[in-house]
N, C-alpha and C. Protein backbone atom coordinates (compact mmCIF):
# COMPACT_ATOMS: atom_id res chain seq x y z
N UNK A 1 16.29 61.01 -34.13
CA UNK A 1 15.34 61.01 -32.93
C UNK A 1 15.55 59.45 -32.42
N UNK A 2 15.54 59.46 -30.95
CA UNK A 2 15.50 58.26 -30.11
C UNK A 2 14.27 57.83 -29.81
N UNK A 3 13.99 56.44 -29.81
CA UNK A 3 12.69 55.86 -29.77
C UNK A 3 13.07 54.66 -28.75
N UNK A 4 12.07 54.43 -27.69
CA UNK A 4 12.03 53.29 -26.90
C UNK A 4 10.82 52.42 -27.43
N UNK A 5 10.89 51.43 -28.08
CA UNK A 5 9.82 50.66 -28.53
C UNK A 5 9.49 49.54 -27.66
N UNK A 6 8.57 49.32 -26.85
CA UNK A 6 8.19 48.22 -25.86
C UNK A 6 7.22 47.47 -26.57
N UNK A 7 7.20 46.13 -26.73
CA UNK A 7 6.51 45.22 -27.20
C UNK A 7 6.24 43.95 -26.64
N UNK A 8 5.28 43.11 -26.95
CA UNK A 8 5.19 41.85 -26.50
C UNK A 8 4.77 40.76 -27.41
N UNK A 9 4.60 39.65 -26.98
CA UNK A 9 4.40 38.39 -28.29
C UNK A 9 3.35 38.76 -28.84
N UNK A 10 2.46 39.59 -28.59
CA UNK A 10 1.27 39.89 -29.59
C UNK A 10 1.45 40.91 -30.71
N UNK A 11 2.60 41.51 -30.64
CA UNK A 11 3.04 42.48 -31.76
C UNK A 11 2.99 41.73 -33.01
N UNK A 12 2.23 42.37 -33.93
CA UNK A 12 2.39 41.75 -35.32
C UNK A 12 3.04 42.66 -36.18
N UNK A 13 4.27 42.14 -36.62
CA UNK A 13 5.33 43.16 -37.43
C UNK A 13 4.47 43.44 -38.66
N UNK A 14 3.64 42.48 -39.23
CA UNK A 14 3.02 42.73 -40.40
C UNK A 14 2.02 43.95 -40.66
N UNK A 15 1.32 43.97 -39.49
CA UNK A 15 0.26 44.90 -39.52
C UNK A 15 0.78 46.29 -38.96
N UNK A 16 1.99 46.52 -38.36
CA UNK A 16 2.34 47.85 -37.87
C UNK A 16 2.94 48.45 -38.96
N UNK A 17 2.74 49.70 -38.86
CA UNK A 17 3.26 50.84 -39.72
C UNK A 17 4.21 51.55 -39.00
N UNK A 18 5.33 51.77 -39.79
CA UNK A 18 6.72 52.41 -39.22
C UNK A 18 6.71 53.91 -39.61
N UNK A 19 5.49 54.37 -39.80
CA UNK A 19 5.63 55.97 -40.38
C UNK A 19 6.16 56.89 -39.17
N UNK A 20 6.23 56.58 -37.96
CA UNK A 20 6.69 57.42 -37.13
C UNK A 20 8.34 57.37 -37.02
N UNK A 21 9.03 56.48 -37.68
CA UNK A 21 10.50 56.20 -37.79
C UNK A 21 11.05 56.59 -39.07
N UNK A 22 12.18 57.26 -38.98
CA UNK A 22 13.03 57.81 -40.13
C UNK A 22 14.25 57.28 -40.02
N UNK A 23 14.95 57.33 -41.40
CA UNK A 23 16.39 57.00 -41.61
C UNK A 23 17.12 57.86 -40.51
N UNK A 24 18.28 57.03 -39.81
CA UNK A 24 18.89 57.70 -38.91
C UNK A 24 18.33 57.55 -37.60
N UNK A 25 17.19 57.33 -37.49
CA UNK A 25 16.63 57.36 -35.91
C UNK A 25 17.31 56.19 -35.05
N UNK A 26 17.46 56.34 -33.66
CA UNK A 26 17.95 55.28 -32.95
C UNK A 26 16.69 54.80 -32.13
N UNK A 27 16.70 53.51 -32.26
CA UNK A 27 15.64 52.69 -31.76
C UNK A 27 16.01 51.56 -30.64
N UNK A 28 15.56 51.72 -29.45
CA UNK A 28 15.80 50.74 -28.50
C UNK A 28 14.72 49.77 -28.59
N UNK A 29 14.72 48.50 -28.80
CA UNK A 29 13.70 47.67 -28.66
C UNK A 29 13.70 46.89 -27.36
N UNK A 30 12.64 46.82 -26.64
CA UNK A 30 12.30 46.38 -25.26
C UNK A 30 11.29 45.31 -25.27
N UNK A 31 11.76 44.19 -25.80
CA UNK A 31 10.86 43.15 -25.91
C UNK A 31 10.37 42.63 -24.48
N UNK A 32 9.17 42.45 -24.23
CA UNK A 32 8.43 41.79 -23.06
C UNK A 32 8.02 40.20 -23.34
N UNK A 33 9.08 39.85 -24.34
CA UNK A 33 8.63 38.34 -24.58
C UNK A 33 10.14 37.84 -25.12
N UNK A 34 10.35 36.43 -24.74
CA UNK A 34 11.43 35.92 -25.08
C UNK A 34 11.54 35.25 -26.57
N UNK A 35 10.59 35.66 -27.35
CA UNK A 35 10.44 35.20 -28.79
C UNK A 35 11.44 36.08 -29.40
N UNK A 36 12.72 35.34 -29.74
CA UNK A 36 13.81 35.83 -30.46
C UNK A 36 13.42 36.28 -31.77
N UNK A 37 12.81 35.46 -32.23
CA UNK A 37 12.12 35.61 -33.92
C UNK A 37 11.44 36.83 -34.16
N UNK A 38 10.59 37.13 -33.19
CA UNK A 38 9.91 38.44 -33.29
C UNK A 38 10.86 39.59 -32.92
N UNK A 39 11.58 39.58 -32.26
CA UNK A 39 12.47 40.78 -32.03
C UNK A 39 13.56 40.95 -33.42
N UNK A 40 13.88 39.88 -33.89
CA UNK A 40 14.70 39.67 -35.20
C UNK A 40 14.11 40.41 -36.43
N UNK A 41 12.82 39.87 -36.44
CA UNK A 41 11.96 40.49 -37.68
C UNK A 41 11.82 41.93 -37.43
N UNK A 42 11.52 42.14 -36.38
CA UNK A 42 11.17 43.76 -36.03
C UNK A 42 12.67 44.50 -36.31
N UNK A 43 13.41 44.24 -35.88
CA UNK A 43 14.79 44.81 -35.97
C UNK A 43 14.98 44.89 -37.60
N UNK A 44 14.95 43.84 -37.99
CA UNK A 44 15.30 43.85 -39.79
C UNK A 44 14.53 44.75 -40.35
N UNK A 45 13.17 44.74 -40.16
CA UNK A 45 12.28 45.87 -40.77
C UNK A 45 12.37 47.23 -40.44
N UNK A 46 12.95 47.43 -39.33
CA UNK A 46 13.34 49.02 -38.96
C UNK A 46 14.79 49.31 -39.71
N UNK A 47 15.54 48.31 -39.58
CA UNK A 47 16.99 48.54 -40.44
C UNK A 47 16.87 48.71 -41.77
N UNK A 48 15.95 48.22 -42.27
CA UNK A 48 15.68 48.36 -43.85
C UNK A 48 15.10 50.05 -44.04
N UNK A 49 14.48 50.44 -43.02
CA UNK A 49 14.15 52.02 -43.12
C UNK A 49 15.37 52.96 -42.96
N UNK A 50 16.47 52.42 -42.50
CA UNK A 50 17.82 53.04 -42.12
C UNK A 50 17.87 53.43 -40.69
N UNK A 51 17.08 52.81 -39.82
CA UNK A 51 17.13 52.96 -38.43
C UNK A 51 18.37 52.41 -37.79
N UNK A 52 18.96 52.91 -36.70
CA UNK A 52 19.81 52.11 -35.99
C UNK A 52 19.20 51.35 -34.78
N UNK A 53 19.10 50.09 -34.76
CA UNK A 53 18.42 49.41 -33.74
C UNK A 53 19.15 48.43 -32.92
N UNK A 54 18.83 48.69 -31.47
CA UNK A 54 19.53 47.80 -30.54
C UNK A 54 18.40 46.94 -29.84
N UNK A 55 18.57 45.74 -29.54
CA UNK A 55 17.54 45.00 -28.88
C UNK A 55 18.14 44.72 -27.55
N UNK A 56 17.31 45.14 -26.69
CA UNK A 56 17.84 45.02 -25.15
C UNK A 56 17.61 43.62 -24.64
N UNK A 57 18.29 43.01 -23.83
CA UNK A 57 18.00 41.68 -23.24
C UNK A 57 17.19 41.70 -22.21
N UNK A 58 15.92 42.08 -22.44
CA UNK A 58 15.14 42.32 -21.44
C UNK A 58 14.69 40.88 -20.66
N UNK A 59 14.56 39.82 -21.81
CA UNK A 59 13.88 38.76 -21.02
C UNK A 59 14.95 38.27 -19.93
N UNK A 60 16.19 38.21 -20.13
CA UNK A 60 17.08 37.96 -18.90
C UNK A 60 16.83 38.82 -17.84
N UNK A 61 16.68 40.10 -18.18
CA UNK A 61 16.38 41.05 -16.89
C UNK A 61 15.03 40.63 -16.27
N UNK A 62 14.14 40.44 -16.84
CA UNK A 62 12.71 40.17 -16.45
C UNK A 62 12.83 39.03 -15.75
N UNK A 63 13.47 37.84 -16.33
CA UNK A 63 13.49 36.38 -15.58
C UNK A 63 14.21 36.68 -14.21
N UNK A 64 15.44 37.46 -14.35
CA UNK A 64 16.21 37.43 -12.89
C UNK A 64 15.49 38.26 -11.83
N UNK A 65 14.66 39.44 -12.39
CA UNK A 65 13.74 40.04 -11.39
C UNK A 65 12.53 39.04 -11.09
N UNK A 66 12.07 38.34 -11.69
CA UNK A 66 11.15 37.43 -11.33
C UNK A 66 11.53 36.37 -10.32
N UNK A 67 12.63 35.88 -10.65
CA UNK A 67 13.34 35.15 -9.48
C UNK A 67 13.47 35.57 -8.21
N UNK A 68 14.02 37.02 -8.17
CA UNK A 68 14.07 37.52 -6.75
C UNK A 68 12.92 37.78 -6.15
N UNK A 69 11.91 38.20 -7.06
CA UNK A 69 10.51 38.22 -6.34
C UNK A 69 9.93 36.96 -6.00
N UNK A 70 10.15 35.77 -6.70
CA UNK A 70 9.66 34.67 -6.35
C UNK A 70 10.29 34.22 -5.08
N UNK A 71 11.47 34.21 -5.04
CA UNK A 71 12.17 33.92 -3.74
C UNK A 71 11.57 34.74 -2.46
N UNK A 72 11.46 35.96 -2.49
CA UNK A 72 10.94 36.83 -1.55
C UNK A 72 9.54 36.49 -1.32
N UNK A 73 8.86 36.15 -2.44
CA UNK A 73 7.48 35.92 -2.09
C UNK A 73 7.19 34.30 -1.34
N UNK A 74 8.11 33.36 -1.51
CA UNK A 74 8.10 32.06 -0.89
C UNK A 74 8.43 32.20 0.40
N UNK A 75 9.32 33.13 0.79
CA UNK A 75 9.75 33.32 2.21
C UNK A 75 8.62 34.04 2.94
N UNK A 76 7.85 34.95 2.28
CA UNK A 76 7.08 35.55 2.91
C UNK A 76 5.60 34.84 3.14
N UNK A 77 5.43 33.83 2.09
CA UNK A 77 4.47 32.88 2.21
C UNK A 77 4.56 31.89 3.45
N UNK A 78 5.73 31.44 3.51
CA UNK A 78 6.29 30.59 4.60
C UNK A 78 6.17 31.07 5.95
N UNK A 79 6.14 32.44 6.31
CA UNK A 79 6.07 32.94 7.43
C UNK A 79 4.74 33.24 7.88
N UNK A 80 3.62 33.11 6.97
CA UNK A 80 2.22 33.60 7.15
C UNK A 80 1.51 32.49 8.34
N UNK A 81 1.79 31.28 8.35
CA UNK A 81 1.04 30.47 9.22
C UNK A 81 1.49 30.67 10.66
N UNK A 82 2.64 31.33 10.80
CA UNK A 82 2.94 31.80 12.29
C UNK A 82 2.38 33.12 12.51
N UNK A 83 2.05 33.98 11.54
CA UNK A 83 1.58 35.43 11.92
C UNK A 83 -0.03 35.49 12.03
N UNK A 84 -0.80 34.42 11.18
CA UNK A 84 -2.01 34.65 11.23
C UNK A 84 -2.56 33.90 12.60
N UNK A 85 -3.51 34.56 13.08
CA UNK A 85 -4.01 33.96 14.33
C UNK A 85 -5.45 33.56 14.25
N UNK A 86 -5.78 32.28 14.73
CA UNK A 86 -7.05 31.49 14.56
C UNK A 86 -7.19 31.14 16.05
N UNK A 87 -8.20 31.96 16.60
CA UNK A 87 -8.56 32.16 18.03
C UNK A 87 -7.29 32.63 18.79
N UNK A 88 -6.72 31.85 19.67
CA UNK A 88 -5.61 32.21 20.50
C UNK A 88 -4.26 31.49 20.00
N UNK A 89 -4.22 30.78 18.92
CA UNK A 89 -3.34 30.20 18.36
C UNK A 89 -2.81 30.57 17.03
N UNK A 90 -1.74 30.63 16.55
CA UNK A 90 -1.46 30.79 15.09
C UNK A 90 -1.69 29.72 14.20
N UNK A 91 -1.66 30.02 13.06
CA UNK A 91 -2.22 29.06 12.05
C UNK A 91 -1.66 27.77 12.04
N UNK A 92 -0.31 27.85 12.08
CA UNK A 92 0.74 26.72 12.18
C UNK A 92 0.18 25.79 13.10
N UNK A 93 0.13 26.38 14.63
CA UNK A 93 -0.47 25.58 15.50
C UNK A 93 -1.72 24.87 15.42
N UNK A 94 -2.83 25.64 14.82
CA UNK A 94 -4.01 25.40 14.61
C UNK A 94 -4.26 24.08 13.61
N UNK A 95 -3.25 24.25 12.61
CA UNK A 95 -3.50 23.20 11.44
C UNK A 95 -2.29 22.25 11.60
N UNK A 96 -1.42 22.52 12.63
CA UNK A 96 -0.41 21.37 12.72
C UNK A 96 -0.63 20.03 13.23
N UNK A 97 -1.86 19.78 13.98
CA UNK A 97 -2.13 18.64 14.52
C UNK A 97 -3.23 17.84 13.67
N UNK A 98 -3.01 16.71 13.32
CA UNK A 98 -3.85 15.79 12.63
C UNK A 98 -5.48 16.01 12.99
N UNK A 99 -6.36 16.05 11.97
CA UNK A 99 -7.79 16.00 12.44
C UNK A 99 -8.05 14.67 12.90
N UNK A 100 -8.90 14.69 13.82
CA UNK A 100 -9.66 13.38 14.42
C UNK A 100 -10.06 12.47 13.27
N UNK A 101 -9.50 11.31 13.55
CA UNK A 101 -9.90 10.17 12.53
C UNK A 101 -9.14 10.13 11.22
N UNK A 102 -8.06 11.47 10.89
CA UNK A 102 -7.47 11.38 9.65
C UNK A 102 -6.28 10.51 9.62
N UNK A 103 -6.00 9.84 8.66
CA UNK A 103 -4.57 9.05 8.27
C UNK A 103 -3.72 9.68 7.34
N UNK A 104 -2.39 9.36 7.52
CA UNK A 104 -1.49 9.73 6.48
C UNK A 104 -0.73 8.65 5.88
N UNK A 105 -0.79 8.41 4.56
CA UNK A 105 -0.34 7.32 3.83
C UNK A 105 1.02 7.47 3.36
């Protein structure tokens, strides 16, 4: 049987029971953590049961996706001051001038 096992850093290998896995099962580990020690311990424990285990490089995938989202988010936030209106001016124009009596060091 094939299994996809998704887990995060809070997975406790010692407290989990592997009753749903049998010798010969194919298991894809999908870690939501970069903790390689946890992935390794879980893989070893399942291999003792006779399972064929593959650890997916999800940390790299998640980091890559997060970077793309981050870049798009920064671009989005950067455009907001020109899109938000305060009275008849956009936020950038409203906030762009110094306040009376304000100084910059």
